[in-house]
């Protein structure tokens, strides 16, 4: 009988045991009598049974897998980090699996449950909530190798890598104010996410420091997608008293805002100035080129792998919290008015 056609059922029949017993004997779990186990092994050898070695290795935790749970893999920030994680893991002869939480707490719980069932060696996650969840807390309690990136839920004590979102946003808005802008709009994601909350805080602090009144009509919430950012920008420019500048809190929203402004016929920077959080390829291909706050994305992935591998190796070192600064890259999208 060829190995391709041999099934677990064939092995069980040849050994005169049930399929369940054959599975336990071959996969090394549960109780199987010595005599029955030997019959199964002999039958499998004679028949040339190979079984699903990948499935067996997953169950036994033998595959060198690291999991990455980003907010949304379509976000260029997370896709770049995923690429860097995968590249770094090759040096460890390990592989990466990816499952986005879509910035949804319930989905994150489901994703983490599924990932843990695969016996991964460690998890790198961008949490969907600003508050620590029971599942993440349990991972820390169990000393499971865990690294949090981009945002850290309040009270969650584990290795983490972030950027100074508040200071970066404050610097961007301050730059707009220095160029004469007072009606500065902000397009932001769900404020329950820590990174968004901090960017909003930086926006408000910059206004406060310059004694500029906070105007709720200039604050527009959008999902982190191009299409939602288009709608948010159009809503802004349907107001009677339009903004002279826009600050967007991630690159997808910046792209959406640019498309909306083009559709509306609003010229950058002569009719509206714009600064985006996160650099992106098209920022230098547009005319004018877009001023952005750049995050050191190329440093986050390699550092996350270093941290997770140290924990997998058994490091009991104190929790590490690394925060990178942002960099304002001035191009041509801000007009002095």
C-alpha atoms as a PDB file:
ATOM      1  CA  UNK A   1       0.000   0.000   0.000  1.00  0.00           C
ATOM      2  CA  UNK A   2       1.437   3.416  -0.943  1.00  0.00           C
ATOM      3  CA  UNK A   3       2.117   5.873   1.864  1.00  0.00           C
ATOM      4  CA  UNK A   4      -0.204   8.413   0.299  1.00  0.00           C
ATOM      5  CA  UNK A   5      -3.188   6.109   0.593  1.00  0.00           C
ATOM      6  CA  UNK A   6      -2.498   4.898   4.112  1.00  0.00           C
ATOM      7  CA  UNK A   7      -4.845   6.404   6.675  1.00  0.00           C
ATOM      8  CA  UNK A   8      -5.125   6.289  10.437  1.00  0.00           C
ATOM      9  CA  UNK A   9      -8.105   3.980   9.948  1.00  0.00           C
ATOM     10  CA  UNK A  10      -5.867   1.497   8.077  1.00  0.00           C
ATOM     11  CA  UNK A  11      -3.311   1.516  10.889  1.00  0.00           C
ATOM     12  CA  UNK A  12      -6.010   1.026  13.524  1.00  0.00           C
ATOM     13  CA  UNK A  13      -7.494  -1.927  11.621  1.00  0.00           C
ATOM     14  CA  UNK A  14      -4.089  -3.579  11.184  1.00  0.00           C
ATOM     15  CA  UNK A  15      -3.333  -3.174  14.889  1.00  0.00           C
ATOM     16  CA  UNK A  16      -6.839  -4.263  15.898  1.00  0.00           C
ATOM     17  CA  UNK A  17      -7.486  -1.098  17.913  1.00  0.00           C
ATOM     18  CA  UNK A  18      -9.849   1.855  17.571  1.00  0.00           C
ATOM     19  CA  UNK A  19      -8.902   4.947  15.585  1.00  0.00           C
ATOM     20  CA  UNK A  20      -8.817   6.945  18.835  1.00  0.00           C
ATOM     21  CA  UNK A  21      -6.342   4.497  20.382  1.00  0.00           C
ATOM     22  CA  UNK A  22      -4.176   4.557  17.252  1.00  0.00           C
ATOM     23  CA  UNK A  23      -4.177   8.370  17.308  1.00  0.00           C
ATOM     24  CA  UNK A  24      -3.145   8.458  20.975  1.00  0.00           C
ATOM     25  CA  UNK A  25      -0.353   5.964  20.398  1.00  0.00           C
ATOM     26  CA  UNK A  26       1.055   7.774  17.379  1.00  0.00           C
ATOM     27  CA  UNK A  27       0.692  11.304  18.736  1.00  0.00           C
ATOM     28  CA  UNK A  28       1.878  10.606  22.254  1.00  0.00           C
ATOM     29  CA  UNK A  29      -1.076  11.849  24.280  1.00  0.00           C
ATOM     30  CA  UNK A  30      -3.498  10.129  26.627  1.00  0.00           C
ATOM     31  CA  UNK A  31      -3.183   6.578  27.952  1.00  0.00           C
ATOM     32  CA  UNK A  32      -2.484   3.584  25.696  1.00  0.00           C
ATOM     33  CA  UNK A  33      -1.441   0.148  26.963  1.00  0.00           C
ATOM     34  CA  UNK A  34       2.101  -0.910  26.097  1.00  0.00           C
ATOM     35  CA  UNK A  35       0.990  -3.914  24.037  1.00  0.00           C
ATOM     36  CA  UNK A  36      -1.567  -1.911  22.029  1.00  0.00           C
ATOM     37  CA  UNK A  37       0.891   0.931  21.505  1.00  0.00           C
ATOM     38  CA  UNK A  38       3.503  -1.484  20.164  1.00  0.00           C
ATOM     39  CA  UNK A  39       0.975  -3.057  17.767  1.00  0.00           C
ATOM     40  CA  UNK A  40       0.103   0.410  16.460  1.00  0.00           C
ATOM     41  CA  UNK A  41       3.752   1.334  15.924  1.00  0.00           C
ATOM     42  CA  UNK A  42       4.490  -1.931  14.131  1.00  0.00           C
ATOM     43  CA  UNK A  43       1.397  -1.559  11.920  1.00  0.00           C
ATOM     44  CA  UNK A  44       2.274   2.041  11.061  1.00  0.00           C
ATOM     45  CA  UNK A  45       5.813   0.989  10.118  1.00  0.00           C
ATOM     46  CA  UNK A  46       4.697  -1.900   7.926  1.00  0.00           C
ATOM     47  CA  UNK A  47       2.082   0.202   6.141  1.00  0.00           C
ATOM     48  CA  UNK A  48       4.383   3.193   5.712  1.00  0.00           C
ATOM     49  CA  UNK A  49       2.027   5.531   7.585  1.00  0.00           C
ATOM     50  CA  UNK A  50       3.376   9.046   7.874  1.00  0.00           C
ATOM     51  CA  UNK A  51       0.444  10.976   9.334  1.00  0.00           C
ATOM     52  CA  UNK A  52       0.220  14.744   9.541  1.00  0.00           C
ATOM     53  CA  UNK A  53       3.596  15.625  11.029  1.00  0.00           C
ATOM     54  CA  UNK A  54       2.819  19.333  11.038  1.00  0.00           C
ATOM     55  CA  UNK A  55      -0.370  18.790  13.032  1.00  0.00           C
ATOM     56  CA  UNK A  56       1.496  16.552  15.471  1.00  0.00           C
ATOM     57  CA  UNK A  57       4.282  19.087  15.893  1.00  0.00           C
ATOM     58  CA  UNK A  58       1.760  21.864  16.524  1.00  0.00           C
ATOM     59  CA  UNK A  59       0.016  19.846  19.210  1.00  0.00           C
ATOM     60  CA  UNK A  60       3.313  19.020  20.887  1.00  0.00           C
ATOM     61  CA  UNK A  61       4.692  22.562  20.638  1.00  0.00           C
ATOM     62  CA  UNK A  62       7.615  21.497  18.471  1.00  0.00           C
ATOM     63  CA  UNK A  63       7.211  24.064  15.684  1.00  0.00           C
ATOM     64  CA  UNK A  64       9.188  27.300  16.250  1.00  0.00           C
ATOM     65  CA  UNK A  65       6.278  29.712  15.827  1.00  0.00           C
ATOM     66  CA  UNK A  66       5.890  33.309  16.998  1.00  0.00           C
ATOM     67  CA  UNK A  67       2.486  34.987  16.676  1.00  0.00           C
ATOM     68  CA  UNK A  68       1.879  38.607  15.716  1.00  0.00           C
ATOM     69  CA  UNK A  69      -1.494  40.202  16.485  1.00  0.00           C
ATOM     70  CA  UNK A  70      -1.607  43.658  14.837  1.00  0.00           C
ATOM     71  CA  UNK A  71      -4.521  46.059  14.761  1.00  0.00           C
ATOM     72  CA  UNK A  72      -4.974  45.710  11.003  1.00  0.00           C
ATOM     73  CA  UNK A  73      -2.385  44.182   8.686  1.00  0.00           C
ATOM     74  CA  UNK A  74      -3.567  46.523   5.897  1.00  0.00           C
ATOM     75  CA  UNK A  75      -2.191  49.458   7.884  1.00  0.00           C
ATOM     76  CA  UNK A  76       1.290  50.143   6.413  1.00  0.00           C
ATOM     77  CA  UNK A  77       2.684  50.605   9.922  1.00  0.00           C
ATOM     78  CA  UNK A  78       1.729  47.058  10.905  1.00  0.00           C
ATOM     79  CA  UNK A  79       2.542  45.466   7.552  1.00  0.00           C
ATOM     80  CA  UNK A  80       6.085  46.869   7.732  1.00  0.00           C
ATOM     81  CA  UNK A  81       6.494  45.535  11.259  1.00  0.00           C
ATOM     82  CA  UNK A  82       5.198  42.112  10.145  1.00  0.00           C
ATOM     83  CA  UNK A  83       7.762  42.064   7.342  1.00  0.00           C
ATOM     84  CA  UNK A  84      10.563  42.948   9.758  1.00  0.00           C
ATOM     85  CA  UNK A  85       9.444  40.355  12.318  1.00  0.00           C
ATOM     86  CA  UNK A  86       9.477  37.626   9.687  1.00  0.00           C
ATOM     87  CA  UNK A  87      12.913  38.695   8.458  1.00  0.00           C
ATOM     88  CA  UNK A  88      14.383  38.743  11.969  1.00  0.00           C
ATOM     89  CA  UNK A  89      12.943  35.322  12.831  1.00  0.00           C
ATOM     90  CA  UNK A  90      14.887  33.630  10.033  1.00  0.00           C
ATOM     91  CA  UNK A  91      18.048  34.018  12.082  1.00  0.00           C
ATOM     92  CA  UNK A  92      16.334  31.956  14.794  1.00  0.00           C
ATOM     93  CA  UNK A  93      14.997  29.376  12.299  1.00  0.00           C
ATOM     94  CA  UNK A  94      11.527  30.354  13.439  1.00  0.00           C
ATOM     95  CA  UNK A  95       8.356  31.331  11.618  1.00  0.00           C
ATOM     96  CA  UNK A  96       5.682  33.996  12.007  1.00  0.00           C
ATOM     97  CA  UNK A  97       1.927  33.618  12.033  1.00  0.00           C
ATOM     98  CA  UNK A  98      -0.291  36.702  11.792  1.00  0.00           C
ATOM     99  CA  UNK A  99      -3.865  37.258  12.966  1.00  0.00           C
ATOM    100  CA  UNK A 100      -5.237  40.820  13.097  1.00  0.00           C
ATOM    101  CA  UNK A 101      -7.538  41.873  15.917  1.00  0.00           C
ATOM    102  CA  UNK A 102      -9.112  44.587  13.701  1.00  0.00           C
ATOM    103  CA  UNK A 103      -9.065  46.879  16.770  1.00  0.00           C
ATOM    104  CA  UNK A 104     -11.882  44.753  18.219  1.00  0.00           C
ATOM    105  CA  UNK A 105     -11.535  43.491  21.800  1.00  0.00           C
ATOM    106  CA  UNK A 106     -13.842  40.485  21.354  1.00  0.00           C
ATOM    107  CA  UNK A 107     -12.088  39.436  18.163  1.00  0.00           C
ATOM    108  CA  UNK A 108      -8.750  39.789  19.925  1.00  0.00           C
ATOM    109  CA  UNK A 109      -9.902  37.391  22.646  1.00  0.00           C
ATOM    110  CA  UNK A 110     -10.903  34.856  19.987  1.00  0.00           C
ATOM    111  CA  UNK A 111      -7.662  35.314  18.052  1.00  0.00           C
ATOM    112  CA  UNK A 112      -5.520  34.839  21.166  1.00  0.00           C
ATOM    113  CA  UNK A 113      -7.446  31.695  22.116  1.00  0.00           C
ATOM    114  CA  UNK A 114      -6.869  30.226  18.660  1.00  0.00           C
ATOM    115  CA  UNK A 115      -3.194  31.184  18.690  1.00  0.00           C
ATOM    116  CA  UNK A 116      -2.582  29.619  22.098  1.00  0.00           C
ATOM    117  CA  UNK A 117      -4.092  26.377  20.802  1.00  0.00           C
ATOM    118  CA  UNK A 118      -1.216  26.266  18.294  1.00  0.00           C
ATOM    119  CA  UNK A 119       1.371  26.159  21.085  1.00  0.00           C
ATOM    120  CA  UNK A 120       3.257  29.186  19.767  1.00  0.00           C
ATOM    121  CA  UNK A 121       6.461  30.077  21.590  1.00  0.00           C
ATOM    122  CA  UNK A 122       5.548  33.734  22.132  1.00  0.00           C
ATOM    123  CA  UNK A 123       3.139  36.501  21.136  1.00  0.00           C
ATOM    124  CA  UNK A 124       3.718  40.063  19.933  1.00  0.00           C
ATOM    125  CA  UNK A 125       0.510  42.091  20.082  1.00  0.00           C
ATOM    126  CA  UNK A 126      -0.856  45.581  19.496  1.00  0.00           C
ATOM    127  CA  UNK A 127      -3.767  45.460  21.985  1.00  0.00           C
ATOM    128  CA  UNK A 128      -7.218  46.516  20.804  1.00  0.00           C
ATOM    129  CA  UNK A 129      -8.125  48.162  24.111  1.00  0.00           C
ATOM    130  CA  UNK A 130      -6.665  50.835  26.359  1.00  0.00           C
ATOM    131  CA  UNK A 131      -7.599  48.642  29.324  1.00  0.00           C
ATOM    132  CA  UNK A 132      -5.912  45.343  30.121  1.00  0.00           C
ATOM    133  CA  UNK A 133      -8.064  42.340  29.278  1.00  0.00           C
ATOM    134  CA  UNK A 134      -8.342  39.174  31.405  1.00  0.00           C
ATOM    135  CA  UNK A 135      -6.654  37.158  28.662  1.00  0.00           C
ATOM    136  CA  UNK A 136      -3.575  39.379  28.412  1.00  0.00           C
ATOM    137  CA  UNK A 137      -3.403  39.543  32.212  1.00  0.00           C
ATOM    138  CA  UNK A 138      -3.496  35.731  32.372  1.00  0.00           C
ATOM    139  CA  UNK A 139      -0.619  35.468  29.896  1.00  0.00           C
ATOM    140  CA  UNK A 140       1.488  37.713  32.117  1.00  0.00           C
ATOM    141  CA  UNK A 141       0.450  35.822  35.247  1.00  0.00           C
ATOM    142  CA  UNK A 142       1.546  32.577  33.550  1.00  0.00           C
ATOM    143  CA  UNK A 143       4.856  34.218  32.517  1.00  0.00           C
ATOM    144  CA  UNK A 144       4.056  33.580  28.875  1.00  0.00           C
ATOM    145  CA  UNK A 145       6.540  35.294  26.495  1.00  0.00           C
ATOM    146  CA  UNK A 146       4.661  38.448  25.502  1.00  0.00           C
ATOM    147  CA  UNK A 147       5.672  41.761  23.947  1.00  0.00           C
ATOM    148  CA  UNK A 148       3.228  44.631  23.458  1.00  0.00           C
ATOM    149  CA  UNK A 149       3.849  47.196  20.728  1.00  0.00           C
ATOM    150  CA  UNK A 150       2.390  50.560  19.672  1.00  0.00           C
ATOM    151  CA  UNK A 151       0.055  50.934  22.650  1.00  0.00           C
ATOM    152  CA  UNK A 152       0.141  49.658  26.240  1.00  0.00           C
ATOM    153  CA  UNK A 153      -3.126  49.068  28.133  1.00  0.00           C
ATOM    154  CA  UNK A 154      -3.220  50.715  31.544  1.00  0.00           C
ATOM    155  CA  UNK A 155      -1.794  48.483  34.255  1.00  0.00           C
ATOM    156  CA  UNK A 156      -0.418  45.848  31.863  1.00  0.00           C
ATOM    157  CA  UNK A 157       3.115  45.032  33.043  1.00  0.00           C
ATOM    158  CA  UNK A 158       5.051  43.353  30.262  1.00  0.00           C
ATOM    159  CA  UNK A 159       7.821  44.173  27.804  1.00  0.00           C
ATOM    160  CA  UNK A 160       6.610  46.921  25.486  1.00  0.00           C
ATOM    161  CA  UNK A 161       7.711  49.162  22.626  1.00  0.00           C
ATOM    162  CA  UNK A 162       5.968  52.443  21.850  1.00  0.00           C
ATOM    163  CA  UNK A 163       6.640  55.870  20.406  1.00  0.00           C
ATOM    164  CA  UNK A 164       5.979  59.166  22.156  1.00  0.00           C
ATOM    165  CA  UNK A 165       2.621  59.762  20.491  1.00  0.00           C
ATOM    166  CA  UNK A 166       1.610  62.732  22.621  1.00  0.00           C
ATOM    167  CA  UNK A 167       4.852  64.630  22.140  1.00  0.00           C
ATOM    168  CA  UNK A 168       4.844  63.913  18.406  1.00  0.00           C
ATOM    169  CA  UNK A 169       1.292  65.153  17.925  1.00  0.00           C
ATOM    170  CA  UNK A 170       2.011  68.226  20.030  1.00  0.00           C
ATOM    171  CA  UNK A 171       5.039  69.008  17.848  1.00  0.00           C
ATOM    172  CA  UNK A 172       3.015  68.664  14.635  1.00  0.00           C
ATOM    173  CA  UNK A 173       0.200  70.930  15.809  1.00  0.00           C
ATOM    174  CA  UNK A 174       2.705  73.407  17.240  1.00  0.00           C
ATOM    175  CA  UNK A 175       4.342  73.553  13.797  1.00  0.00           C
ATOM    176  CA  UNK A 176       0.981  74.418  12.237  1.00  0.00           C
ATOM    177  CA  UNK A 177       0.361  77.108  14.857  1.00  0.00           C
ATOM    178  CA  UNK A 178       3.797  78.609  14.216  1.00  0.00           C
ATOM    179  CA  UNK A 179       2.771  78.927  10.570  1.00  0.00           C
ATOM    180  CA  UNK A 180      -0.240  81.015  11.529  1.00  0.00           C
ATOM    181  CA  UNK A 181      -2.956  78.367  11.701  1.00  0.00           C
ATOM    182  CA  UNK A 182      -5.674  78.582  14.352  1.00  0.00           C
ATOM    183  CA  UNK A 183      -8.487  76.473  12.892  1.00  0.00           C
ATOM    184  CA  UNK A 184      -6.690  73.145  12.962  1.00  0.00           C
ATOM    185  CA  UNK A 185      -8.808  70.040  12.424  1.00  0.00           C
ATOM    186  CA  UNK A 186      -7.851  66.560  13.589  1.00  0.00           C
ATOM    187  CA  UNK A 187      -9.031  63.308  12.009  1.00  0.00           C
ATOM    188  CA  UNK A 188      -8.540  60.473  14.479  1.00  0.00           C
ATOM    189  CA  UNK A 189      -9.283  56.816  15.104  1.00  0.00           C
ATOM    190  CA  UNK A 190     -11.252  55.342  18.009  1.00  0.00           C
ATOM    191  CA  UNK A 191     -10.033  57.211  21.101  1.00  0.00           C
ATOM    192  CA  UNK A 192     -10.219  54.076  23.302  1.00  0.00           C
ATOM    193  CA  UNK A 193      -6.965  52.965  21.629  1.00  0.00           C
ATOM    194  CA  UNK A 194      -4.043  54.260  23.698  1.00  0.00           C
ATOM    195  CA  UNK A 195      -1.979  55.568  20.779  1.00  0.00           C
ATOM    196  CA  UNK A 196      -4.940  57.548  19.420  1.00  0.00           C
ATOM    197  CA  UNK A 197      -5.774  58.875  22.883  1.00  0.00           C
ATOM    198  CA  UNK A 198      -2.209  60.121  23.287  1.00  0.00           C
ATOM    199  CA  UNK A 199      -2.184  61.780  19.856  1.00  0.00           C
ATOM    200  CA  UNK A 200      -5.426  63.557  20.676  1.00  0.00           C
ATOM    201  CA  UNK A 201      -3.933  64.653  23.996  1.00  0.00           C
ATOM    202  CA  UNK A 202      -0.949  66.120  22.143  1.00  0.00           C
ATOM    203  CA  UNK A 203      -3.288  67.982  19.788  1.00  0.00           C
ATOM    204  CA  UNK A 204      -5.227  69.500  22.673  1.00  0.00           C
ATOM    205  CA  UNK A 205      -2.094  70.374  24.643  1.00  0.00           C
ATOM    206  CA  UNK A 206      -0.595  72.275  21.706  1.00  0.00           C
ATOM    207  CA  UNK A 207      -3.783  74.339  21.411  1.00  0.00           C
ATOM    208  CA  UNK A 208      -3.881  74.975  25.156  1.00  0.00           C
ATOM    209  CA  UNK A 209      -0.247  76.081  25.266  1.00  0.00           C
ATOM    210  CA  UNK A 210      -1.003  78.718  22.631  1.00  0.00           C
ATOM    211  CA  UNK A 211      -4.312  79.783  24.245  1.00  0.00           C
ATOM    212  CA  UNK A 212      -6.344  78.533  21.267  1.00  0.00           C
ATOM    213  CA  UNK A 213      -9.859  77.436  22.195  1.00  0.00           C
ATOM    214  CA  UNK A 214     -10.694  73.778  21.632  1.00  0.00           C
ATOM    215  CA  UNK A 215     -13.401  73.485  18.960  1.00  0.00           C
ATOM    216  CA  UNK A 216     -15.294  70.183  18.866  1.00  0.00           C
ATOM    217  CA  UNK A 217     -16.452  70.844  15.298  1.00  0.00           C
ATOM    218  CA  UNK A 218     -12.837  70.459  14.194  1.00  0.00           C
ATOM    219  CA  UNK A 219     -12.454  67.012  15.777  1.00  0.00           C
ATOM    220  CA  UNK A 220     -13.682  64.232  13.495  1.00  0.00           C
ATOM    221  CA  UNK A 221     -13.592  60.521  14.303  1.00  0.00           C
ATOM    222  CA  UNK A 222     -12.876  58.076  11.497  1.00  0.00           C
ATOM    223  CA  UNK A 223     -12.026  54.419  11.287  1.00  0.00           C
ATOM    224  CA  UNK A 224      -8.461  53.774  10.209  1.00  0.00           C
ATOM    225  CA  UNK A 225      -9.338  53.227   6.556  1.00  0.00           C
ATOM    226  CA  UNK A 226      -8.980  55.363   3.460  1.00  0.00           C
ATOM    227  CA  UNK A 227     -12.713  55.304   2.701  1.00  0.00           C
ATOM    228  CA  UNK A 228     -13.752  56.418   6.194  1.00  0.00           C
ATOM    229  CA  UNK A 229     -11.135  59.178   6.171  1.00  0.00           C
ATOM    230  CA  UNK A 230     -12.515  60.419   2.846  1.00  0.00           C
ATOM    231  CA  UNK A 231     -15.966  60.728   4.436  1.00  0.00           C
ATOM    232  CA  UNK A 232     -14.529  62.437   7.535  1.00  0.00           C
ATOM    233  CA  UNK A 233     -12.688  65.013   5.424  1.00  0.00           C
ATOM    234  CA  UNK A 234     -15.751  65.759   3.318  1.00  0.00           C
ATOM    235  CA  UNK A 235     -17.747  66.329   6.523  1.00  0.00           C
ATOM    236  CA  UNK A 236     -15.133  68.832   7.674  1.00  0.00           C
ATOM    237  CA  UNK A 237     -15.321  70.827   4.463  1.00  0.00           C
ATOM    238  CA  UNK A 238     -19.100  70.918   4.416  1.00  0.00           C
ATOM    239  CA  UNK A 239     -18.893  73.172   7.474  1.00  0.00           C
ATOM    240  CA  UNK A 240     -19.416  76.873   6.958  1.00  0.00           C
ATOM    241  CA  UNK A 241     -16.248  77.768   8.882  1.00  0.00           C
ATOM    242  CA  UNK A 242     -13.685  75.447   7.346  1.00  0.00           C
ATOM    243  CA  UNK A 243     -10.294  74.517   8.813  1.00  0.00           C
ATOM    244  CA  UNK A 244      -7.094  76.022   7.459  1.00  0.00           C
ATOM    245  CA  UNK A 245      -5.093  72.948   8.458  1.00  0.00           C
ATOM    246  CA  UNK A 246      -5.616  69.239   9.100  1.00  0.00           C
ATOM    247  CA  UNK A 247      -3.715  66.851  11.346  1.00  0.00           C
ATOM    248  CA  UNK A 248      -4.365  63.166  10.595  1.00  0.00           C
ATOM    249  CA  UNK A 249      -3.431  60.511  13.132  1.00  0.00           C
ATOM    250  CA  UNK A 250      -2.247  57.718  10.811  1.00  0.00           C
ATOM    251  CA  UNK A 251      -1.151  57.191   7.211  1.00  0.00           C
ATOM    252  CA  UNK A 252      -4.384  55.594   5.981  1.00  0.00           C
ATOM    253  CA  UNK A 253      -6.326  58.628   7.172  1.00  0.00           C
ATOM    254  CA  UNK A 254      -3.774  60.910   5.537  1.00  0.00           C
ATOM    255  CA  UNK A 255      -4.293  59.114   2.226  1.00  0.00           C
ATOM    256  CA  UNK A 256      -8.065  59.369   2.606  1.00  0.00           C
ATOM    257  CA  UNK A 257      -7.855  63.075   3.411  1.00  0.00           C
ATOM    258  CA  UNK A 258      -5.672  63.709   0.346  1.00  0.00           C
ATOM    259  CA  UNK A 259      -8.109  61.891  -1.932  1.00  0.00           C
ATOM    260  CA  UNK A 260     -11.070  63.797  -0.473  1.00  0.00           C
ATOM    261  CA  UNK A 261      -9.334  67.157  -0.889  1.00  0.00           C
ATOM    262  CA  UNK A 262      -8.528  66.324  -4.495  1.00  0.00           C
ATOM    263  CA  UNK A 263     -12.170  65.379  -5.115  1.00  0.00           C
ATOM    264  CA  UNK A 264     -13.356  68.609  -3.487  1.00  0.00           C
ATOM    265  CA  UNK A 265     -10.873  70.657  -5.501  1.00  0.00           C
ATOM    266  CA  UNK A 266      -9.197  71.975  -2.352  1.00  0.00           C
ATOM    267  CA  UNK A 267      -5.574  72.836  -3.074  1.00  0.00           C
ATOM    268  CA  UNK A 268      -2.722  71.895  -0.733  1.00  0.00           C
ATOM    269  CA  UNK A 269      -1.197  73.962   0.850  1.00  0.00           C
ATOM    270  CA  UNK A 270      -2.786  77.147  -0.556  1.00  0.00           C
ATOM    271  CA  UNK A 271      -6.312  76.372   0.691  1.00  0.00           C
ATOM    272  CA  UNK A 272      -5.523  73.904   3.456  1.00  0.00           C
ATOM    273  CA  UNK A 273      -2.315  72.653   5.063  1.00  0.00           C
ATOM    274  CA  UNK A 274      -1.883  69.060   6.228  1.00  0.00           C
ATOM    275  CA  UNK A 275       0.421  67.030   8.461  1.00  0.00           C
ATOM    276  CA  UNK A 276       0.049  63.269   8.864  1.00  0.00           C
ATOM    277  CA  UNK A 277       1.165  60.921  11.623  1.00  0.00           C
ATOM    278  CA  UNK A 278       3.291  58.146  10.011  1.00  0.00           C
ATOM    279  CA  UNK A 279       5.377  58.483   6.903  1.00  0.00           C
ATOM    280  CA  UNK A 280       4.319  56.553   3.791  1.00  0.00           C
ATOM    281  CA  UNK A 281       5.612  56.052   0.243  1.00  0.00           C
ATOM    282  CA  UNK A 282       3.100  58.279  -1.515  1.00  0.00           C
ATOM    283  CA  UNK A 283       3.960  61.186   0.789  1.00  0.00           C
ATOM    284  CA  UNK A 284       6.990  61.936  -1.385  1.00  0.00           C
ATOM    285  CA  UNK A 285       5.261  61.209  -4.704  1.00  0.00           C
ATOM    286  CA  UNK A 286       2.420  63.689  -4.248  1.00  0.00           C
ATOM    287  CA  UNK A 287       2.601  67.328  -5.299  1.00  0.00           C
ATOM    288  CA  UNK A 288       3.292  68.946  -2.944  1.00  0.00           C
ATOM    289  CA  UNK A 289       5.101  66.360  -0.854  1.00  0.00           C
ATOM    290  CA  UNK A 290       3.417  65.767   2.511  1.00  0.00           C
ATOM    291  CA  UNK A 291       4.862  66.847   5.847  1.00  0.00           C
ATOM    292  CA  UNK A 292       4.678  63.918   8.281  1.00  0.00           C
ATOM    293  CA  UNK A 293       5.557  62.703  11.744  1.00  0.00           C
ATOM    294  CA  UNK A 294       7.747  59.666  11.155  1.00  0.00           C
ATOM    295  CA  UNK A 295       7.923  56.716  13.527  1.00  0.00           C
ATOM    296  CA  UNK A 296      11.072  54.540  13.644  1.00  0.00           C
ATOM    297  CA  UNK A 297       9.147  51.556  12.287  1.00  0.00           C
ATOM    298  CA  UNK A 298      12.340  49.826  11.165  1.00  0.00           C
ATOM    299  CA  UNK A 299      13.501  49.582  14.801  1.00  0.00           C
ATOM    300  CA  UNK A 300      10.304  48.180  16.323  1.00  0.00           C
ATOM    301  CA  UNK A 301      10.238  44.730  14.682  1.00  0.00           C
ATOM    302  CA  UNK A 302      13.873  43.779  15.361  1.00  0.00           C
ATOM    303  CA  UNK A 303      13.637  44.973  18.965  1.00  0.00           C
ATOM    304  CA  UNK A 304      10.379  43.062  19.527  1.00  0.00           C
ATOM    305  CA  UNK A 305      12.033  39.840  18.330  1.00  0.00           C
ATOM    306  CA  UNK A 306      15.044  40.424  20.577  1.00  0.00           C
ATOM    307  CA  UNK A 307      12.734  40.933  23.559  1.00  0.00           C
ATOM    308  CA  UNK A 308      10.526  37.913  22.855  1.00  0.00           C
ATOM    309  CA  UNK A 309      13.486  35.595  22.252  1.00  0.00           C
ATOM    310  CA  UNK A 310      15.057  36.633  25.549  1.00  0.00           C
ATOM    311  CA  UNK A 311      11.828  35.730  27.361  1.00  0.00           C
ATOM    312  CA  UNK A 312      11.543  32.426  25.487  1.00  0.00           C
ATOM    313  CA  UNK A 313      15.112  31.646  26.589  1.00  0.00           C
ATOM    314  CA  UNK A 314      13.967  32.094  30.189  1.00  0.00           C
ATOM    315  CA  UNK A 315      15.027  35.648  31.003  1.00  0.00           C
ATOM    316  CA  UNK A 316      13.640  36.840  34.342  1.00  0.00           C
ATOM    317  CA  UNK A 317      14.876  40.414  33.845  1.00  0.00           C
ATOM    318  CA  UNK A 318      12.603  43.288  34.906  1.00  0.00           C
ATOM    319  CA  UNK A 319       9.983  44.465  32.421  1.00  0.00           C
ATOM    320  CA  UNK A 320      11.469  46.575  29.638  1.00  0.00           C
ATOM    321  CA  UNK A 321       9.623  49.648  28.359  1.00  0.00           C
ATOM    322  CA  UNK A 322      11.161  51.252  25.285  1.00  0.00           C
ATOM    323  CA  UNK A 323       9.739  54.502  23.912  1.00  0.00           C
ATOM    324  CA  UNK A 324      11.052  56.031  20.705  1.00  0.00           C
ATOM    325  CA  UNK A 325      10.673  59.695  19.731  1.00  0.00           C
ATOM    326  CA  UNK A 326       8.972  60.700  16.498  1.00  0.00           C
ATOM    327  CA  UNK A 327      10.584  62.892  13.859  1.00  0.00           C
ATOM    328  CA  UNK A 328       8.844  65.765  12.079  1.00  0.00           C
ATOM    329  CA  UNK A 329       9.782  65.579   8.399  1.00  0.00           C
ATOM    330  CA  UNK A 330       9.024  68.960   6.845  1.00  0.00           C
ATOM    331  CA  UNK A 331       8.058  68.877   3.189  1.00  0.00           C
ATOM    332  CA  UNK A 332       5.706  71.096   1.229  1.00  0.00           C
ATOM    333  CA  UNK A 333       2.181  70.647   2.595  1.00  0.00           C
ATOM    334  CA  UNK A 334       2.152  73.463   5.188  1.00  0.00           C
ATOM    335  CA  UNK A 335       1.637  77.101   4.174  1.00  0.00           C
ATOM    336  CA  UNK A 336       2.600  80.088   6.302  1.00  0.00           C
ATOM    337  CA  UNK A 337      -0.565  82.216   6.567  1.00  0.00           C
END
